[in-house]
Amino acid sequence: MTDIIPMTLNRVALTFGLLLTLGSCKDTPMTCEDFHEGVFEIVKPEDDYAVRIERKGDQQIETNIKTGAVTKATVTWDNICNYQLTYTESTSEHAVNLIGKVLIVRITGIQGNKYSYEAVLRGTQTVTSGFITAVD
């Protein structure tokens, strides 16, 4: 009987320790750096716009989910949360006029696996905004 009590206490201690460890494991909030590379999507149903973005190193490839048109850009990070896209090529008739132009993007907030942004095409004053969601 006395052997049972220490075994039971060990199990209780082990269970308590396991629960304490699991309870302290929280998802670490994402930071701007988490969006420097990966696969992302921009979806704007009101504009009938959906693009999949693959960003690796200094390259970004945007694929229009509906048409399959591809636009490529070079990514330059000004700091942790601000970057510039210099468009280098496109198969999209709408984006072909962006070749050689620079889009300046500022991450304005992070909620879960997505970030809000404001972007302006260099030389213009029109600011666009939206959300980019990490999908991979």
C-alpha atoms as a PDB file:
ATOM      1  CA  MET A   1       0.000   0.000   0.000  1.00  0.00           C
ATOM      2  CA  THR A   2       2.808   2.417   0.845  1.00  0.00           C
ATOM      3  CA  ASP A   3       4.325   1.766  -2.605  1.00  0.00           C
ATOM      4  CA  ILE A   4       1.118   2.937  -4.285  1.00  0.00           C
ATOM      5  CA  ILE A   5       1.125   6.414  -2.702  1.00  0.00           C
ATOM      6  CA  PRO A   6       4.527   7.508  -4.121  1.00  0.00           C
ATOM      7  CA  MET A   7       3.547   6.173  -7.573  1.00  0.00           C
ATOM      8  CA  THR A   8       0.270   8.100  -7.474  1.00  0.00           C
ATOM      9  CA  LEU A   9       2.040  11.263  -6.350  1.00  0.00           C
ATOM     10  CA  ASN A  10       4.544  10.871  -9.188  1.00  0.00           C
ATOM     11  CA  ARG A  11       1.724  10.570 -11.707  1.00  0.00           C
ATOM     12  CA  VAL A  12      -0.039  13.616 -10.269  1.00  0.00           C
ATOM     13  CA  ALA A  13       3.207  15.617 -10.360  1.00  0.00           C
ATOM     14  CA  LEU A  14       3.922  14.485 -13.930  1.00  0.00           C
ATOM     15  CA  THR A  15       0.392  15.334 -15.082  1.00  0.00           C
ATOM     16  CA  PHE A  16       0.519  18.734 -13.375  1.00  0.00           C
ATOM     17  CA  GLY A  17       3.918  19.480 -14.923  1.00  0.00           C
ATOM     18  CA  LEU A  18       2.670  18.483 -18.377  1.00  0.00           C
ATOM     19  CA  LEU A  19      -0.436  20.650 -18.071  1.00  0.00           C
ATOM     20  CA  LEU A  20       1.644  23.572 -16.846  1.00  0.00           C
ATOM     21  CA  THR A  21       4.037  23.201 -19.774  1.00  0.00           C
ATOM     22  CA  LEU A  22       1.239  22.963 -22.339  1.00  0.00           C
ATOM     23  CA  GLY A  23      -0.595  25.893 -20.786  1.00  0.00           C
ATOM     24  CA  SER A  24       2.466  28.102 -21.069  1.00  0.00           C
ATOM     25  CA  CYS A  25       2.892  27.333 -24.774  1.00  0.00           C
ATOM     26  CA  LYS A  26       1.234  30.171 -26.612  1.00  0.00           C
ATOM     27  CA  ASP A  27       1.466  31.057 -30.252  1.00  0.00           C
ATOM     28  CA  THR A  28       4.143  33.678 -30.616  1.00  0.00           C
ATOM     29  CA  PRO A  29       2.664  36.737 -32.318  1.00  0.00           C
ATOM     30  CA  MET A  30       3.898  37.285 -35.851  1.00  0.00           C
ATOM     31  CA  THR A  31       6.226  40.193 -36.565  1.00  0.00           C
ATOM     32  CA  CYS A  32       7.051  42.068 -39.766  1.00  0.00           C
ATOM     33  CA  GLU A  33      10.042  39.775 -40.255  1.00  0.00           C
ATOM     34  CA  ASP A  34       7.698  36.784 -40.525  1.00  0.00           C
ATOM     35  CA  PHE A  35       6.373  38.287 -43.764  1.00  0.00           C
ATOM     36  CA  HIS A  36       9.744  38.797 -45.463  1.00  0.00           C
ATOM     37  CA  GLU A  37       9.561  35.381 -47.114  1.00  0.00           C
ATOM     38  CA  GLY A  38       6.783  32.909 -47.771  1.00  0.00           C
ATOM     39  CA  VAL A  39       3.520  32.483 -49.641  1.00  0.00           C
ATOM     40  CA  PHE A  40       0.795  35.086 -49.222  1.00  0.00           C
ATOM     41  CA  GLU A  41      -2.530  36.125 -50.738  1.00  0.00           C
ATOM     42  CA  ILE A  42      -4.312  39.378 -51.350  1.00  0.00           C
ATOM     43  CA  VAL A  43      -8.037  38.936 -51.892  1.00  0.00           C
ATOM     44  CA  LYS A  44     -10.352  41.866 -52.574  1.00  0.00           C
ATOM     45  CA  PRO A  45     -13.762  40.445 -53.526  1.00  0.00           C
ATOM     46  CA  GLU A  46     -15.200  43.934 -54.027  1.00  0.00           C
ATOM     47  CA  ASP A  47     -12.634  44.509 -56.816  1.00  0.00           C
ATOM     48  CA  ASP A  48     -12.768  40.901 -58.112  1.00  0.00           C
ATOM     49  CA  TYR A  49      -9.050  40.720 -57.288  1.00  0.00           C
ATOM     50  CA  ALA A  50      -7.107  37.742 -55.930  1.00  0.00           C
ATOM     51  CA  VAL A  51      -3.336  37.350 -56.125  1.00  0.00           C
ATOM     52  CA  ARG A  52      -0.983  34.718 -54.731  1.00  0.00           C
ATOM     53  CA  ILE A  53       2.427  36.105 -53.754  1.00  0.00           C
ATOM     54  CA  GLU A  54       5.597  34.062 -53.405  1.00  0.00           C
ATOM     55  CA  ARG A  55       8.407  36.011 -51.766  1.00  0.00           C
ATOM     56  CA  LYS A  56      11.900  34.576 -51.361  1.00  0.00           C
ATOM     57  CA  GLY A  57      15.094  36.520 -50.874  1.00  0.00           C
ATOM     58  CA  ASP A  58      14.864  39.653 -52.977  1.00  0.00           C
ATOM     59  CA  GLN A  59      12.347  38.225 -55.452  1.00  0.00           C
ATOM     60  CA  GLN A  60       8.562  38.393 -55.465  1.00  0.00           C
ATOM     61  CA  ILE A  61       6.288  36.583 -57.901  1.00  0.00           C
ATOM     62  CA  GLU A  62       2.622  37.569 -58.005  1.00  0.00           C
ATOM     63  CA  THR A  63       0.168  35.251 -59.740  1.00  0.00           C
ATOM     64  CA  ASN A  64      -3.384  36.358 -60.478  1.00  0.00           C
ATOM     65  CA  ILE A  65      -5.483  33.477 -59.169  1.00  0.00           C
ATOM     66  CA  LYS A  66      -8.214  33.937 -61.813  1.00  0.00           C
ATOM     67  CA  THR A  67      -6.160  34.605 -64.955  1.00  0.00           C
ATOM     68  CA  GLY A  68      -2.803  33.014 -64.140  1.00  0.00           C
ATOM     69  CA  ALA A  69      -1.007  36.211 -65.195  1.00  0.00           C
ATOM     70  CA  VAL A  70       2.392  36.539 -63.518  1.00  0.00           C
ATOM     71  CA  THR A  71       4.116  39.726 -62.391  1.00  0.00           C
ATOM     72  CA  LYS A  72       7.659  39.689 -61.006  1.00  0.00           C
ATOM     73  CA  ALA A  73       9.369  42.238 -58.806  1.00  0.00           C
ATOM     74  CA  THR A  74      12.558  42.791 -56.873  1.00  0.00           C
ATOM     75  CA  VAL A  75      12.002  43.326 -53.132  1.00  0.00           C
ATOM     76  CA  THR A  76      14.133  45.759 -51.158  1.00  0.00           C
ATOM     77  CA  TRP A  77      13.501  46.028 -47.415  1.00  0.00           C
ATOM     78  CA  ASP A  78      14.090  49.585 -46.164  1.00  0.00           C
ATOM     79  CA  ASN A  79      13.649  48.422 -42.571  1.00  0.00           C
ATOM     80  CA  ILE A  80      11.846  45.586 -40.788  1.00  0.00           C
ATOM     81  CA  CYS A  81       8.344  46.783 -41.762  1.00  0.00           C
ATOM     82  CA  ASN A  82       8.813  48.842 -44.957  1.00  0.00           C
ATOM     83  CA  TYR A  83       9.760  47.555 -48.381  1.00  0.00           C
ATOM     84  CA  GLN A  84       9.863  48.554 -52.027  1.00  0.00           C
ATOM     85  CA  LEU A  85       8.830  46.482 -55.023  1.00  0.00           C
ATOM     86  CA  THR A  86      10.523  47.276 -58.329  1.00  0.00           C
ATOM     87  CA  TYR A  87       8.522  45.595 -61.064  1.00  0.00           C
ATOM     88  CA  THR A  88      10.674  43.719 -63.572  1.00  0.00           C
ATOM     89  CA  GLU A  89       8.272  41.788 -65.828  1.00  0.00           C
ATOM     90  CA  SER A  90       4.627  40.873 -66.268  1.00  0.00           C
ATOM     91  CA  THR A  91       2.317  38.808 -68.430  1.00  0.00           C
ATOM     92  CA  SER A  92      -0.648  40.871 -67.233  1.00  0.00           C
ATOM     93  CA  GLU A  93      -1.914  43.526 -69.619  1.00  0.00           C
ATOM     94  CA  HIS A  94      -2.931  45.591 -66.583  1.00  0.00           C
ATOM     95  CA  ALA A  95       0.447  45.363 -64.818  1.00  0.00           C
ATOM     96  CA  VAL A  96       2.776  45.635 -67.827  1.00  0.00           C
ATOM     97  CA  ASN A  97       2.784  49.436 -67.385  1.00  0.00           C
ATOM     98  CA  LEU A  98       4.357  48.907 -63.932  1.00  0.00           C
ATOM     99  CA  ILE A  99       7.627  47.563 -65.366  1.00  0.00           C
ATOM    100  CA  GLY A 100      10.489  49.660 -63.979  1.00  0.00           C
ATOM    101  CA  LYS A 101       8.242  51.422 -61.472  1.00  0.00           C
ATOM    102  CA  VAL A 102       8.572  51.240 -57.699  1.00  0.00           C
ATOM    103  CA  LEU A 103       5.778  50.516 -55.228  1.00  0.00           C
ATOM    104  CA  ILE A 104       6.562  51.657 -51.684  1.00  0.00           C
ATOM    105  CA  VAL A 105       4.839  49.491 -49.074  1.00  0.00           C
ATOM    106  CA  ARG A 106       4.475  50.079 -45.353  1.00  0.00           C
ATOM    107  CA  ILE A 107       3.177  47.376 -43.007  1.00  0.00           C
ATOM    108  CA  THR A 108       0.775  49.217 -40.712  1.00  0.00           C
ATOM    109  CA  GLY A 109      -0.411  46.399 -38.447  1.00  0.00           C
ATOM    110  CA  ILE A 110      -0.401  42.663 -37.861  1.00  0.00           C
ATOM    111  CA  GLN A 111      -3.422  40.583 -36.871  1.00  0.00           C
ATOM    112  CA  GLY A 112      -2.830  36.852 -36.591  1.00  0.00           C
ATOM    113  CA  ASN A 113      -1.434  35.597 -39.891  1.00  0.00           C
ATOM    114  CA  LYS A 114      -2.118  38.749 -41.920  1.00  0.00           C
ATOM    115  CA  TYR A 115      -0.828  42.263 -42.128  1.00  0.00           C
ATOM    116  CA  SER A 116      -2.429  45.506 -43.140  1.00  0.00           C
ATOM    117  CA  TYR A 117      -0.501  47.714 -45.512  1.00  0.00           C
ATOM    118  CA  GLU A 118      -0.443  51.072 -47.219  1.00  0.00           C
ATOM    119  CA  ALA A 119       1.230  51.363 -50.596  1.00  0.00           C
ATOM    120  CA  VAL A 120       1.992  54.189 -52.978  1.00  0.00           C
ATOM    121  CA  LEU A 121       3.521  54.093 -56.445  1.00  0.00           C
ATOM    122  CA  ARG A 122       6.613  56.304 -56.401  1.00  0.00           C
ATOM    123  CA  GLY A 123       5.852  59.621 -58.091  1.00  0.00           C
ATOM    124  CA  THR A 124       2.143  59.488 -57.282  1.00  0.00           C
ATOM    125  CA  GLN A 125       0.109  60.421 -54.234  1.00  0.00           C
ATOM    126  CA  THR A 126      -2.526  57.706 -54.473  1.00  0.00           C
ATOM    127  CA  VAL A 127      -2.356  55.442 -51.428  1.00  0.00           C
ATOM    128  CA  THR A 128      -3.875  51.984 -51.585  1.00  0.00           C
ATOM    129  CA  SER A 129      -4.415  49.768 -48.587  1.00  0.00           C
ATOM    130  CA  GLY A 130      -5.491  46.254 -47.803  1.00  0.00           C
ATOM    131  CA  PHE A 131      -4.493  43.025 -46.124  1.00  0.00           C
ATOM    132  CA  ILE A 132      -1.965  40.366 -47.080  1.00  0.00           C
ATOM    133  CA  THR A 133      -2.477  36.931 -45.536  1.00  0.00           C
ATOM    134  CA  ALA A 134       0.257  34.358 -44.975  1.00  0.00           C
ATOM    135  CA  VAL A 135      -0.875  31.021 -46.376  1.00  0.00           C
ATOM    136  CA  ASP A 136       2.333  29.013 -46.024  1.00  0.00           C
END
